[in-house]
N, C-alpha and C. Protein backbone atom coordinates (compact mmCIF):
# COMPACT_ATOMS: atom_id res chain seq x y z
N MET A 1 -20.13 41.93 -15.75
CA MET A 1 -19.63 41.28 -14.54
C MET A 1 -20.76 40.60 -13.79
N ALA A 2 -20.50 39.43 -13.23
CA ALA A 2 -21.51 38.69 -12.48
C ALA A 2 -21.96 39.48 -11.25
N GLU A 3 -23.25 39.35 -10.91
CA GLU A 3 -23.77 40.03 -9.74
C GLU A 3 -23.19 39.40 -8.47
N ILE A 4 -22.73 40.24 -7.56
CA ILE A 4 -22.18 39.76 -6.29
C ILE A 4 -23.30 39.73 -5.27
N THR A 5 -23.79 38.54 -4.99
CA THR A 5 -24.92 38.40 -4.06
C THR A 5 -24.44 38.29 -2.62
N ALA A 6 -25.36 38.57 -1.71
CA ALA A 6 -25.04 38.45 -0.29
C ALA A 6 -24.71 37.00 0.06
N ALA A 7 -25.38 36.06 -0.61
CA ALA A 7 -25.12 34.64 -0.35
C ALA A 7 -23.69 34.26 -0.76
N ALA A 8 -23.24 34.82 -1.89
CA ALA A 8 -21.87 34.53 -2.36
C ALA A 8 -20.84 35.10 -1.39
N VAL A 9 -21.11 36.30 -0.88
CA VAL A 9 -20.20 36.92 0.09
C VAL A 9 -20.15 36.10 1.37
N LYS A 10 -21.32 35.66 1.83
CA LYS A 10 -21.40 34.86 3.06
C LYS A 10 -20.64 33.54 2.90
N GLN A 11 -20.81 32.91 1.74
CA GLN A 11 -20.14 31.63 1.50
C GLN A 11 -18.63 31.80 1.48
N LEU A 12 -18.16 32.88 0.84
CA LEU A 12 -16.72 33.13 0.80
C LEU A 12 -16.19 33.41 2.20
N ARG A 13 -16.96 34.14 2.99
CA ARG A 13 -16.53 34.43 4.36
C ARG A 13 -16.40 33.15 5.18
N GLU A 14 -17.36 32.21 5.00
CA GLU A 14 -17.32 30.95 5.74
C GLU A 14 -16.11 30.12 5.33
N LYS A 15 -15.72 30.22 4.07
CA LYS A 15 -14.59 29.43 3.58
C LYS A 15 -13.24 30.01 3.99
N THR A 16 -13.17 31.32 4.15
CA THR A 16 -11.87 31.96 4.37
C THR A 16 -11.71 32.60 5.73
N GLY A 17 -12.83 32.96 6.38
CA GLY A 17 -12.73 33.65 7.66
C GLY A 17 -12.45 35.14 7.52
N ALA A 18 -12.37 35.64 6.28
CA ALA A 18 -12.13 37.07 6.06
C ALA A 18 -13.39 37.86 6.36
N GLY A 19 -13.25 39.19 6.52
CA GLY A 19 -14.39 40.05 6.80
C GLY A 19 -15.34 40.16 5.61
N MET A 20 -16.57 40.60 5.91
CA MET A 20 -17.59 40.69 4.86
C MET A 20 -17.17 41.64 3.74
N MET A 21 -16.66 42.80 4.08
CA MET A 21 -16.27 43.77 3.06
C MET A 21 -15.08 43.27 2.25
N GLU A 22 -14.11 42.64 2.94
CA GLU A 22 -12.96 42.07 2.21
C GLU A 22 -13.42 41.02 1.22
N CYS A 23 -14.38 40.19 1.64
CA CYS A 23 -14.91 39.15 0.76
C CYS A 23 -15.63 39.76 -0.44
N LYS A 24 -16.45 40.78 -0.17
CA LYS A 24 -17.18 41.42 -1.27
C LYS A 24 -16.21 42.07 -2.25
N ASN A 25 -15.21 42.78 -1.74
CA ASN A 25 -14.24 43.44 -2.61
C ASN A 25 -13.46 42.42 -3.44
N ALA A 26 -13.12 41.29 -2.81
CA ALA A 26 -12.37 40.25 -3.53
C ALA A 26 -13.22 39.65 -4.64
N LEU A 27 -14.51 39.44 -4.36
CA LEU A 27 -15.41 38.90 -5.39
C LEU A 27 -15.59 39.88 -6.54
N VAL A 28 -15.68 41.17 -6.21
CA VAL A 28 -15.80 42.19 -7.26
C VAL A 28 -14.55 42.18 -8.13
N GLU A 29 -13.40 42.15 -7.48
CA GLU A 29 -12.13 42.14 -8.22
C GLU A 29 -11.97 40.88 -9.07
N ALA A 30 -12.53 39.77 -8.57
CA ALA A 30 -12.40 38.48 -9.29
C ALA A 30 -13.54 38.28 -10.28
N GLY A 31 -14.40 39.27 -10.43
CA GLY A 31 -15.50 39.13 -11.38
C GLY A 31 -16.51 38.07 -10.98
N GLY A 32 -16.62 37.82 -9.67
CA GLY A 32 -17.58 36.85 -9.18
C GLY A 32 -17.05 35.44 -9.09
N ASP A 33 -15.81 35.20 -9.51
CA ASP A 33 -15.21 33.87 -9.46
C ASP A 33 -14.71 33.60 -8.04
N GLU A 34 -15.32 32.65 -7.34
CA GLU A 34 -14.99 32.39 -5.94
C GLU A 34 -13.55 31.93 -5.76
N ASN A 35 -13.09 31.01 -6.61
CA ASN A 35 -11.72 30.51 -6.48
C ASN A 35 -10.69 31.62 -6.64
N LYS A 36 -10.92 32.52 -7.60
CA LYS A 36 -10.01 33.65 -7.78
C LYS A 36 -10.07 34.58 -6.57
N ALA A 37 -11.27 34.75 -6.02
CA ALA A 37 -11.44 35.61 -4.84
C ALA A 37 -10.68 35.04 -3.64
N ILE A 38 -10.71 33.71 -3.49
CA ILE A 38 -9.96 33.07 -2.40
C ILE A 38 -8.47 33.32 -2.58
N ASP A 39 -8.00 33.21 -3.83
CA ASP A 39 -6.57 33.48 -4.09
C ASP A 39 -6.21 34.92 -3.74
N ILE A 40 -7.10 35.85 -4.08
CA ILE A 40 -6.86 37.27 -3.79
C ILE A 40 -6.75 37.48 -2.28
N LEU A 41 -7.68 36.87 -1.52
CA LEU A 41 -7.66 37.02 -0.07
C LEU A 41 -6.42 36.37 0.54
N ARG A 42 -6.01 35.25 -0.01
CA ARG A 42 -4.81 34.59 0.50
C ARG A 42 -3.57 35.45 0.25
N GLU A 43 -3.51 36.05 -0.95
CA GLU A 43 -2.37 36.90 -1.28
C GLU A 43 -2.29 38.11 -0.36
N ARG A 44 -3.43 38.57 0.10
CA ARG A 44 -3.47 39.74 1.00
C ARG A 44 -3.38 39.33 2.46
N GLY A 45 -3.26 38.04 2.72
CA GLY A 45 -3.14 37.58 4.11
C GLY A 45 -4.44 37.63 4.87
N LEU A 46 -5.57 37.61 4.14
CA LEU A 46 -6.87 37.75 4.80
C LEU A 46 -7.61 36.43 4.94
N ALA A 47 -7.13 35.38 4.28
CA ALA A 47 -7.80 34.09 4.37
C ALA A 47 -7.25 33.36 5.59
N SER A 48 -7.92 33.50 6.70
CA SER A 48 -7.38 33.04 7.97
C SER A 48 -7.32 31.54 8.10
N ALA A 49 -8.11 30.78 7.34
CA ALA A 49 -8.08 29.32 7.47
C ALA A 49 -6.70 28.78 7.17
N LYS A 50 -6.04 29.34 6.17
CA LYS A 50 -4.71 28.88 5.83
C LYS A 50 -3.71 29.22 6.93
N LYS A 51 -3.91 30.34 7.60
CA LYS A 51 -2.98 30.74 8.66
C LYS A 51 -3.01 29.76 9.83
N ARG A 52 -4.13 29.05 9.96
CA ARG A 52 -4.27 28.16 11.11
C ARG A 52 -3.65 26.79 10.87
N GLU A 53 -3.17 26.54 9.65
CA GLU A 53 -2.67 25.21 9.34
C GLU A 53 -1.49 24.81 10.22
N GLY A 54 -0.69 25.77 10.67
CA GLY A 54 0.48 25.44 11.48
C GLY A 54 0.19 25.31 12.95
N ARG A 55 -1.03 25.61 13.38
CA ARG A 55 -1.37 25.55 14.79
C ARG A 55 -1.65 24.11 15.21
N ILE A 56 -1.43 23.81 16.48
CA ILE A 56 -1.57 22.44 16.98
C ILE A 56 -3.04 22.13 17.24
N ALA A 57 -3.48 21.00 16.67
CA ALA A 57 -4.84 20.53 16.90
C ALA A 57 -4.75 19.21 17.65
N ALA A 58 -4.79 19.29 18.98
CA ALA A 58 -4.58 18.10 19.80
C ALA A 58 -5.85 17.63 20.52
N GLU A 59 -6.94 18.38 20.35
CA GLU A 59 -8.23 17.96 20.91
C GLU A 59 -9.05 17.33 19.79
N GLY A 60 -10.29 16.99 20.09
CA GLY A 60 -11.14 16.41 19.06
C GLY A 60 -11.87 15.20 19.58
N ILE A 61 -12.41 14.41 18.65
CA ILE A 61 -13.14 13.20 19.03
C ILE A 61 -12.92 12.11 17.99
N VAL A 62 -13.21 10.88 18.42
CA VAL A 62 -13.28 9.75 17.50
C VAL A 62 -14.76 9.46 17.28
N GLY A 63 -15.18 9.55 16.03
CA GLY A 63 -16.58 9.31 15.71
C GLY A 63 -16.74 8.03 14.90
N SER A 64 -17.97 7.54 14.82
CA SER A 64 -18.23 6.28 14.12
C SER A 64 -19.45 6.39 13.23
N TYR A 65 -19.51 5.47 12.29
CA TYR A 65 -20.69 5.37 11.41
C TYR A 65 -20.86 3.91 11.03
N ILE A 66 -22.07 3.39 11.20
CA ILE A 66 -22.39 2.02 10.83
C ILE A 66 -23.45 2.06 9.73
N HIS A 67 -23.22 1.32 8.66
CA HIS A 67 -24.11 1.39 7.50
C HIS A 67 -24.52 -0.02 7.07
N MET A 68 -25.62 -0.09 6.33
CA MET A 68 -26.09 -1.32 5.70
C MET A 68 -26.29 -2.45 6.70
N GLY A 69 -26.99 -2.14 7.77
CA GLY A 69 -27.31 -3.17 8.75
C GLY A 69 -26.11 -3.82 9.38
N GLY A 70 -25.05 -3.03 9.58
CA GLY A 70 -23.86 -3.55 10.22
C GLY A 70 -22.87 -4.17 9.27
N LYS A 71 -23.06 -4.01 7.96
CA LYS A 71 -22.13 -4.59 6.99
C LYS A 71 -20.88 -3.74 6.80
N VAL A 72 -20.98 -2.43 7.04
CA VAL A 72 -19.85 -1.51 6.89
C VAL A 72 -19.78 -0.61 8.12
N GLY A 73 -18.58 -0.45 8.68
CA GLY A 73 -18.40 0.43 9.83
C GLY A 73 -17.14 1.28 9.66
N VAL A 74 -17.18 2.49 10.20
CA VAL A 74 -16.06 3.42 10.06
C VAL A 74 -15.77 4.10 11.39
N LEU A 75 -14.48 4.25 11.70
CA LEU A 75 -14.02 5.08 12.81
C LEU A 75 -13.17 6.20 12.23
N VAL A 76 -13.41 7.43 12.69
CA VAL A 76 -12.66 8.59 12.22
C VAL A 76 -12.19 9.40 13.41
N GLU A 77 -10.92 9.82 13.40
CA GLU A 77 -10.42 10.75 14.40
C GLU A 77 -10.30 12.12 13.76
N LEU A 78 -11.05 13.08 14.30
CA LEU A 78 -11.02 14.45 13.81
C LEU A 78 -10.50 15.34 14.94
N ASN A 79 -9.49 16.15 14.64
CA ASN A 79 -8.85 16.97 15.66
C ASN A 79 -9.18 18.45 15.50
N CYS A 80 -9.18 19.16 16.62
CA CYS A 80 -9.32 20.61 16.65
C CYS A 80 -8.41 21.13 17.76
N GLU A 81 -8.51 22.41 18.08
CA GLU A 81 -7.58 23.00 19.05
C GLU A 81 -8.10 22.99 20.49
N THR A 82 -9.41 23.01 20.68
CA THR A 82 -9.96 23.08 22.04
C THR A 82 -11.10 22.09 22.23
N ASP A 83 -11.28 21.68 23.48
CA ASP A 83 -12.38 20.78 23.80
C ASP A 83 -13.73 21.47 23.61
N PHE A 84 -13.74 22.80 23.75
CA PHE A 84 -14.99 23.55 23.57
C PHE A 84 -15.54 23.35 22.16
N VAL A 85 -14.67 23.47 21.15
CA VAL A 85 -15.10 23.27 19.77
C VAL A 85 -15.44 21.80 19.53
N ALA A 86 -14.65 20.89 20.10
CA ALA A 86 -14.88 19.46 19.90
C ALA A 86 -16.25 19.03 20.40
N ARG A 87 -16.76 19.69 21.44
CA ARG A 87 -18.06 19.33 21.99
C ARG A 87 -19.21 20.04 21.29
N GLY A 88 -18.91 20.93 20.36
CA GLY A 88 -19.95 21.68 19.66
C GLY A 88 -20.70 20.84 18.64
N ASP A 89 -21.94 21.21 18.40
CA ASP A 89 -22.79 20.45 17.46
C ASP A 89 -22.20 20.42 16.05
N GLU A 90 -21.63 21.55 15.63
CA GLU A 90 -21.11 21.63 14.26
C GLU A 90 -19.93 20.67 14.06
N PHE A 91 -19.05 20.62 15.03
CA PHE A 91 -17.90 19.73 14.95
C PHE A 91 -18.35 18.26 14.99
N GLN A 92 -19.29 17.98 15.89
CA GLN A 92 -19.81 16.61 16.01
C GLN A 92 -20.45 16.16 14.70
N GLN A 93 -21.20 17.06 14.06
CA GLN A 93 -21.84 16.72 12.79
C GLN A 93 -20.80 16.51 11.70
N LEU A 94 -19.73 17.31 11.74
CA LEU A 94 -18.67 17.15 10.74
C LEU A 94 -18.03 15.76 10.86
N VAL A 95 -17.81 15.31 12.07
CA VAL A 95 -17.24 13.97 12.27
C VAL A 95 -18.16 12.90 11.67
N LYS A 96 -19.45 13.03 11.94
CA LYS A 96 -20.42 12.06 11.41
C LYS A 96 -20.44 12.09 9.89
N ASP A 97 -20.40 13.30 9.32
CA ASP A 97 -20.43 13.42 7.85
C ASP A 97 -19.20 12.79 7.22
N ILE A 98 -18.04 13.01 7.82
CA ILE A 98 -16.81 12.45 7.26
C ILE A 98 -16.81 10.93 7.40
N ALA A 99 -17.27 10.42 8.54
CA ALA A 99 -17.34 8.97 8.72
C ALA A 99 -18.28 8.35 7.70
N MET A 100 -19.44 8.99 7.47
CA MET A 100 -20.39 8.50 6.48
C MET A 100 -19.76 8.53 5.08
N HIS A 101 -19.02 9.60 4.79
CA HIS A 101 -18.35 9.71 3.49
C HIS A 101 -17.36 8.57 3.30
N VAL A 102 -16.56 8.28 4.33
CA VAL A 102 -15.58 7.19 4.23
C VAL A 102 -16.28 5.87 3.96
N ALA A 103 -17.43 5.64 4.61
CA ALA A 103 -18.18 4.41 4.38
C ALA A 103 -18.62 4.30 2.93
N ALA A 104 -19.03 5.42 2.34
CA ALA A 104 -19.56 5.40 0.98
C ALA A 104 -18.48 5.43 -0.09
N ALA A 105 -17.44 6.23 0.12
CA ALA A 105 -16.46 6.49 -0.93
C ALA A 105 -15.21 5.61 -0.88
N GLU A 106 -14.99 4.92 0.22
CA GLU A 106 -13.87 3.98 0.36
C GLU A 106 -12.49 4.59 0.04
N PRO A 107 -12.12 5.72 0.65
CA PRO A 107 -10.77 6.25 0.42
C PRO A 107 -9.72 5.32 1.02
N ARG A 108 -8.50 5.43 0.53
CA ARG A 108 -7.40 4.61 1.04
C ARG A 108 -6.45 5.42 1.92
N PHE A 109 -6.38 6.71 1.70
CA PHE A 109 -5.45 7.58 2.41
C PHE A 109 -6.16 8.86 2.83
N VAL A 110 -5.66 9.51 3.89
CA VAL A 110 -6.23 10.80 4.29
C VAL A 110 -5.75 11.91 3.36
N THR A 111 -4.43 11.98 3.14
CA THR A 111 -3.84 13.00 2.28
C THR A 111 -2.89 12.34 1.27
N ARG A 112 -2.46 13.11 0.29
CA ARG A 112 -1.52 12.59 -0.71
C ARG A 112 -0.19 12.21 -0.07
N ASP A 113 0.19 12.90 1.00
CA ASP A 113 1.47 12.63 1.66
C ASP A 113 1.52 11.22 2.24
N GLU A 114 0.36 10.62 2.49
CA GLU A 114 0.33 9.28 3.08
C GLU A 114 0.53 8.17 2.05
N ILE A 115 0.45 8.50 0.77
CA ILE A 115 0.59 7.48 -0.26
C ILE A 115 2.04 6.98 -0.30
N PRO A 116 2.28 5.71 -0.10
CA PRO A 116 3.66 5.19 -0.15
C PRO A 116 4.26 5.43 -1.54
N ALA A 117 5.54 5.73 -1.58
CA ALA A 117 6.21 6.02 -2.85
C ALA A 117 6.04 4.89 -3.87
N PRO A 118 6.18 3.61 -3.48
CA PRO A 118 6.00 2.53 -4.47
C PRO A 118 4.59 2.50 -5.08
N VAL A 119 3.58 2.81 -4.24
CA VAL A 119 2.20 2.82 -4.74
C VAL A 119 2.02 3.93 -5.77
N LEU A 120 2.54 5.12 -5.44
CA LEU A 120 2.41 6.26 -6.35
C LEU A 120 3.18 6.02 -7.65
N GLU A 121 4.35 5.43 -7.53
CA GLU A 121 5.15 5.18 -8.72
C GLU A 121 4.48 4.14 -9.62
N LYS A 122 3.86 3.14 -9.00
CA LYS A 122 3.13 2.14 -9.78
C LYS A 122 1.97 2.78 -10.54
N GLU A 123 1.23 3.65 -9.87
CA GLU A 123 0.12 4.34 -10.52
C GLU A 123 0.62 5.23 -11.66
N ARG A 124 1.76 5.85 -11.43
CA ARG A 124 2.36 6.71 -12.47
C ARG A 124 2.77 5.87 -13.69
N ASP A 125 3.35 4.70 -13.43
CA ASP A 125 3.77 3.81 -14.53
C ASP A 125 2.56 3.32 -15.32
N ILE A 126 1.49 2.97 -14.61
CA ILE A 126 0.27 2.51 -15.28
C ILE A 126 -0.32 3.62 -16.13
N ALA A 127 -0.38 4.83 -15.56
CA ALA A 127 -0.92 5.98 -16.29
C ALA A 127 -0.09 6.28 -17.53
N ARG A 128 1.24 6.17 -17.39
CA ARG A 128 2.12 6.45 -18.53
C ARG A 128 1.93 5.40 -19.63
N ALA A 129 1.80 4.13 -19.23
CA ALA A 129 1.59 3.06 -20.20
C ALA A 129 0.25 3.23 -20.92
N GLN A 130 -0.78 3.61 -20.18
CA GLN A 130 -2.09 3.84 -20.79
C GLN A 130 -2.03 4.99 -21.80
N ALA A 131 -1.32 6.05 -21.42
CA ALA A 131 -1.22 7.21 -22.31
C ALA A 131 -0.46 6.86 -23.59
N LYS A 132 0.61 6.10 -23.45
CA LYS A 132 1.42 5.76 -24.63
C LYS A 132 0.73 4.74 -25.53
N ASN A 133 -0.12 3.91 -24.94
CA ASN A 133 -0.84 2.90 -25.73
C ASN A 133 -2.08 3.46 -26.42
N ASP A 134 -2.44 4.68 -26.08
CA ASP A 134 -3.60 5.32 -26.71
C ASP A 134 -3.18 5.86 -28.08
N PRO A 135 -3.79 5.38 -29.16
CA PRO A 135 -3.41 5.83 -30.51
C PRO A 135 -3.49 7.35 -30.68
N LYS A 136 -4.34 8.00 -29.92
CA LYS A 136 -4.49 9.46 -30.04
C LYS A 136 -3.23 10.19 -29.61
N ASN A 137 -2.39 9.52 -28.82
CA ASN A 137 -1.19 10.17 -28.30
C ASN A 137 0.09 9.76 -29.04
N ALA A 138 -0.09 9.01 -30.13
CA ALA A 138 1.06 8.42 -30.82
C ALA A 138 2.12 9.44 -31.23
N ASN A 139 1.69 10.59 -31.72
CA ASN A 139 2.65 11.58 -32.23
C ASN A 139 2.86 12.76 -31.29
N LYS A 140 2.41 12.63 -30.08
CA LYS A 140 2.54 13.73 -29.13
C LYS A 140 3.91 13.68 -28.44
N PRO A 141 4.53 14.85 -28.21
CA PRO A 141 5.84 14.87 -27.54
C PRO A 141 5.74 14.39 -26.09
N ASP A 142 6.90 14.01 -25.53
CA ASP A 142 6.94 13.44 -24.18
C ASP A 142 6.35 14.37 -23.13
N GLN A 143 6.60 15.69 -23.26
CA GLN A 143 6.09 16.61 -22.24
C GLN A 143 4.57 16.66 -22.22
N VAL A 144 3.96 16.46 -23.40
CA VAL A 144 2.49 16.41 -23.47
C VAL A 144 1.98 15.13 -22.83
N VAL A 145 2.67 14.02 -23.12
CA VAL A 145 2.29 12.74 -22.53
C VAL A 145 2.38 12.81 -21.00
N GLU A 146 3.42 13.48 -20.49
CA GLU A 146 3.58 13.60 -19.04
C GLU A 146 2.45 14.42 -18.41
N LYS A 147 1.95 15.41 -19.14
CA LYS A 147 0.81 16.17 -18.64
C LYS A 147 -0.43 15.29 -18.57
N ILE A 148 -0.57 14.41 -19.56
CA ILE A 148 -1.69 13.46 -19.55
C ILE A 148 -1.57 12.52 -18.35
N VAL A 149 -0.33 12.09 -18.08
CA VAL A 149 -0.07 11.22 -16.94
C VAL A 149 -0.47 11.91 -15.64
N GLU A 150 -0.10 13.19 -15.50
CA GLU A 150 -0.46 13.94 -14.28
C GLU A 150 -1.97 14.06 -14.14
N GLY A 151 -2.65 14.22 -15.28
CA GLY A 151 -4.11 14.28 -15.25
C GLY A 151 -4.72 12.98 -14.77
N ARG A 152 -4.14 11.86 -15.20
CA ARG A 152 -4.62 10.56 -14.75
C ARG A 152 -4.33 10.36 -13.26
N LEU A 153 -3.19 10.87 -12.80
CA LEU A 153 -2.86 10.78 -11.38
C LEU A 153 -3.85 11.58 -10.54
N ASN A 154 -4.27 12.73 -11.05
CA ASN A 154 -5.26 13.52 -10.33
C ASN A 154 -6.55 12.73 -10.16
N LYS A 155 -6.89 11.94 -11.17
CA LYS A 155 -8.07 11.08 -11.07
C LYS A 155 -7.88 10.03 -9.98
N PHE A 156 -6.66 9.50 -9.89
CA PHE A 156 -6.32 8.53 -8.83
C PHE A 156 -6.48 9.18 -7.46
N TYR A 157 -6.01 10.43 -7.33
CA TYR A 157 -6.13 11.13 -6.05
C TYR A 157 -7.60 11.30 -5.68
N GLU A 158 -8.43 11.68 -6.65
CA GLU A 158 -9.86 11.89 -6.39
C GLU A 158 -10.53 10.60 -5.93
N GLU A 159 -10.03 9.48 -6.40
CA GLU A 159 -10.64 8.20 -6.04
C GLU A 159 -10.11 7.65 -4.73
N SER A 160 -8.85 7.95 -4.38
CA SER A 160 -8.18 7.27 -3.28
C SER A 160 -7.88 8.12 -2.06
N VAL A 161 -7.78 9.44 -2.22
CA VAL A 161 -7.36 10.33 -1.13
C VAL A 161 -8.58 11.05 -0.55
N LEU A 162 -8.80 10.88 0.73
CA LEU A 162 -10.01 11.40 1.37
C LEU A 162 -10.22 12.89 1.12
N VAL A 163 -9.19 13.71 1.38
CA VAL A 163 -9.39 15.16 1.26
C VAL A 163 -9.57 15.62 -0.18
N ASP A 164 -9.22 14.77 -1.16
CA ASP A 164 -9.38 15.12 -2.58
C ASP A 164 -10.69 14.61 -3.16
N GLN A 165 -11.41 13.78 -2.41
CA GLN A 165 -12.65 13.21 -2.93
C GLN A 165 -13.79 14.22 -2.88
N PRO A 166 -14.67 14.24 -3.89
CA PRO A 166 -15.89 15.05 -3.80
C PRO A 166 -16.74 14.57 -2.62
N PHE A 167 -17.17 15.49 -1.80
CA PHE A 167 -17.95 15.16 -0.61
C PHE A 167 -19.29 14.56 -1.04
N VAL A 168 -19.64 13.41 -0.48
CA VAL A 168 -20.82 12.68 -0.95
C VAL A 168 -22.13 13.46 -0.78
N LYS A 169 -22.20 14.32 0.23
CA LYS A 169 -23.43 15.09 0.45
C LYS A 169 -23.48 16.37 -0.37
N ASP A 170 -22.34 16.77 -0.93
CA ASP A 170 -22.26 17.97 -1.77
C ASP A 170 -21.05 17.84 -2.70
N PRO A 171 -21.20 17.12 -3.82
CA PRO A 171 -20.06 16.85 -4.71
C PRO A 171 -19.42 18.10 -5.32
N ALA A 172 -20.03 19.26 -5.13
CA ALA A 172 -19.44 20.49 -5.66
C ALA A 172 -18.19 20.89 -4.87
N LYS A 173 -18.00 20.30 -3.71
CA LYS A 173 -16.82 20.60 -2.90
C LYS A 173 -16.13 19.30 -2.52
N THR A 174 -14.83 19.38 -2.24
CA THR A 174 -14.11 18.21 -1.77
C THR A 174 -14.20 18.12 -0.24
N VAL A 175 -13.83 16.98 0.29
CA VAL A 175 -13.79 16.82 1.75
C VAL A 175 -12.81 17.82 2.35
N GLY A 176 -11.69 18.05 1.66
CA GLY A 176 -10.72 19.03 2.14
C GLY A 176 -11.29 20.43 2.20
N GLU A 177 -12.08 20.80 1.19
CA GLU A 177 -12.71 22.12 1.18
C GLU A 177 -13.76 22.22 2.29
N LEU A 178 -14.44 21.13 2.55
CA LEU A 178 -15.42 21.11 3.65
C LEU A 178 -14.72 21.39 4.98
N VAL A 179 -13.58 20.74 5.20
CA VAL A 179 -12.83 20.95 6.45
C VAL A 179 -12.32 22.38 6.53
N THR A 180 -11.87 22.93 5.40
CA THR A 180 -11.40 24.32 5.38
C THR A 180 -12.53 25.28 5.75
N GLU A 181 -13.72 25.02 5.25
CA GLU A 181 -14.89 25.85 5.59
C GLU A 181 -15.13 25.84 7.10
N LYS A 182 -15.09 24.65 7.68
CA LYS A 182 -15.36 24.53 9.12
C LYS A 182 -14.24 25.17 9.93
N THR A 183 -13.01 25.10 9.43
CA THR A 183 -11.89 25.76 10.09
C THR A 183 -12.14 27.26 10.17
N ALA A 184 -12.57 27.84 9.04
CA ALA A 184 -12.85 29.27 9.01
C ALA A 184 -14.02 29.63 9.92
N LYS A 185 -15.01 28.75 9.97
CA LYS A 185 -16.23 29.05 10.73
C LYS A 185 -16.00 28.94 12.23
N THR A 186 -15.22 27.94 12.67
CA THR A 186 -15.00 27.74 14.10
C THR A 186 -13.87 28.61 14.64
N GLY A 187 -12.99 29.07 13.75
CA GLY A 187 -11.85 29.86 14.21
C GLY A 187 -10.70 29.01 14.73
N GLU A 188 -10.81 27.69 14.55
CA GLU A 188 -9.76 26.80 15.00
C GLU A 188 -9.31 25.90 13.85
N ARG A 189 -8.07 25.45 13.95
CA ARG A 189 -7.60 24.48 12.97
C ARG A 189 -8.32 23.16 13.18
N ILE A 190 -8.83 22.57 12.11
CA ILE A 190 -9.48 21.26 12.14
C ILE A 190 -8.72 20.35 11.17
N ALA A 191 -8.43 19.14 11.61
CA ALA A 191 -7.66 18.22 10.76
C ALA A 191 -8.17 16.79 10.93
N ILE A 192 -8.27 16.10 9.80
CA ILE A 192 -8.59 14.67 9.85
C ILE A 192 -7.28 13.93 10.11
N ARG A 193 -7.20 13.24 11.21
CA ARG A 193 -5.94 12.56 11.54
C ARG A 193 -5.86 11.17 10.91
N ARG A 194 -6.93 10.39 11.07
CA ARG A 194 -6.90 9.02 10.56
C ARG A 194 -8.31 8.46 10.52
N PHE A 195 -8.44 7.36 9.80
CA PHE A 195 -9.72 6.67 9.74
C PHE A 195 -9.45 5.18 9.52
N THR A 196 -10.44 4.38 9.90
CA THR A 196 -10.41 2.94 9.63
C THR A 196 -11.78 2.54 9.12
N ARG A 197 -11.80 1.80 8.03
CA ARG A 197 -13.06 1.35 7.44
C ARG A 197 -13.12 -0.18 7.49
N TYR A 198 -14.20 -0.69 8.04
CA TYR A 198 -14.38 -2.13 8.15
C TYR A 198 -15.54 -2.56 7.26
N LYS A 199 -15.34 -3.63 6.53
CA LYS A 199 -16.42 -4.22 5.74
C LYS A 199 -16.55 -5.67 6.16
N MET A 200 -17.73 -6.06 6.58
CA MET A 200 -17.94 -7.39 7.12
C MET A 200 -17.52 -8.46 6.11
N GLY A 201 -16.63 -9.37 6.55
CA GLY A 201 -16.20 -10.46 5.68
C GLY A 201 -15.05 -10.12 4.76
N GLU A 202 -14.62 -8.86 4.76
CA GLU A 202 -13.55 -8.44 3.86
C GLU A 202 -12.26 -9.19 4.18
N GLY A 203 -11.63 -9.76 3.16
CA GLY A 203 -10.38 -10.48 3.36
C GLY A 203 -10.54 -11.95 3.67
N LEU A 204 -11.77 -12.38 3.93
CA LEU A 204 -12.01 -13.80 4.21
C LEU A 204 -12.31 -14.55 2.93
N ASP A 205 -11.90 -15.80 2.88
CA ASP A 205 -12.23 -16.65 1.73
C ASP A 205 -13.71 -16.97 1.76
N LYS A 206 -14.35 -16.84 0.60
CA LYS A 206 -15.77 -17.16 0.50
C LYS A 206 -15.95 -18.63 0.14
N ARG A 207 -16.99 -19.21 0.69
CA ARG A 207 -17.28 -20.61 0.36
C ARG A 207 -17.81 -20.70 -1.05
N GLY A 208 -17.21 -21.59 -1.84
CA GLY A 208 -17.62 -21.74 -3.23
C GLY A 208 -18.75 -22.73 -3.42
N ASP A 209 -19.05 -23.53 -2.40
CA ASP A 209 -20.10 -24.53 -2.56
C ASP A 209 -21.45 -23.95 -2.14
N ASP A 210 -22.49 -24.68 -2.40
CA ASP A 210 -23.84 -24.28 -2.04
C ASP A 210 -24.16 -24.93 -0.70
N PHE A 211 -24.23 -24.12 0.36
CA PHE A 211 -24.45 -24.66 1.70
C PHE A 211 -25.79 -25.39 1.78
N GLY A 212 -26.79 -24.84 1.09
CA GLY A 212 -28.11 -25.48 1.10
C GLY A 212 -28.07 -26.87 0.51
N ASN A 213 -27.38 -27.03 -0.61
CA ASN A 213 -27.27 -28.35 -1.25
C ASN A 213 -26.49 -29.32 -0.37
N GLU A 214 -25.46 -28.77 0.34
CA GLU A 214 -24.67 -29.63 1.22
C GLU A 214 -25.53 -30.20 2.33
N VAL A 215 -26.39 -29.36 2.90
CA VAL A 215 -27.28 -29.82 3.98
C VAL A 215 -28.26 -30.86 3.44
N ALA A 216 -28.80 -30.57 2.23
CA ALA A 216 -29.77 -31.49 1.63
C ALA A 216 -29.14 -32.85 1.37
N SER A 217 -27.86 -32.88 0.95
CA SER A 217 -27.19 -34.14 0.65
C SER A 217 -27.00 -34.97 1.91
N LEU A 218 -26.83 -34.29 3.04
CA LEU A 218 -26.64 -35.02 4.30
C LEU A 218 -27.94 -35.68 4.77
N LEU A 219 -29.06 -35.15 4.29
CA LEU A 219 -30.35 -35.67 4.75
C LEU A 219 -30.86 -36.82 3.88
N THR A 220 -30.18 -37.07 2.76
CA THR A 220 -30.66 -38.15 1.87
C THR A 220 -29.94 -39.45 2.16
């Protein structure tokens, strides 16, 4: 069995909000597997972060991040339950980290629930067509092909959904897992409500001519 270190216990406690002994016992029972330990704590009602999901988070702040000399800018609204937590350094840093992540990773949606049905269905159709056109899948039954389709959709979620994306500062965790950790640590529900990403010149038609040559032609 893997050694249960104090660091592993501390990390599990930060992610779940459960007590130190409960975390250690869950890790022992799970053979050191953190994900299994989280499931064990949730089954026992000890993972408090999940319990907070239904609570109202109406406080918070709107944070910003400007990158690349003003070429990319992001606004993020992050909510919590009290103004006390919203004014704390940890919450403020979380807002900055998420805004920076949005600037770098270019998500399209906060959660999977925000994806419009036509968009999701189009992605599903594309994934299904790709799977069926792959010679390796020629003789595979439909249920196997559908599992491949779901796997491709998961890749779409990782690329497009903010909470499913690997966090740019620590790809070992997703943005959603980062928020869950902070929820457990602050004792309050924390939720990403919305974001807007601006890229300078995005959506504008680019000039196809050479401006320098145009100026030179006017001088001759």
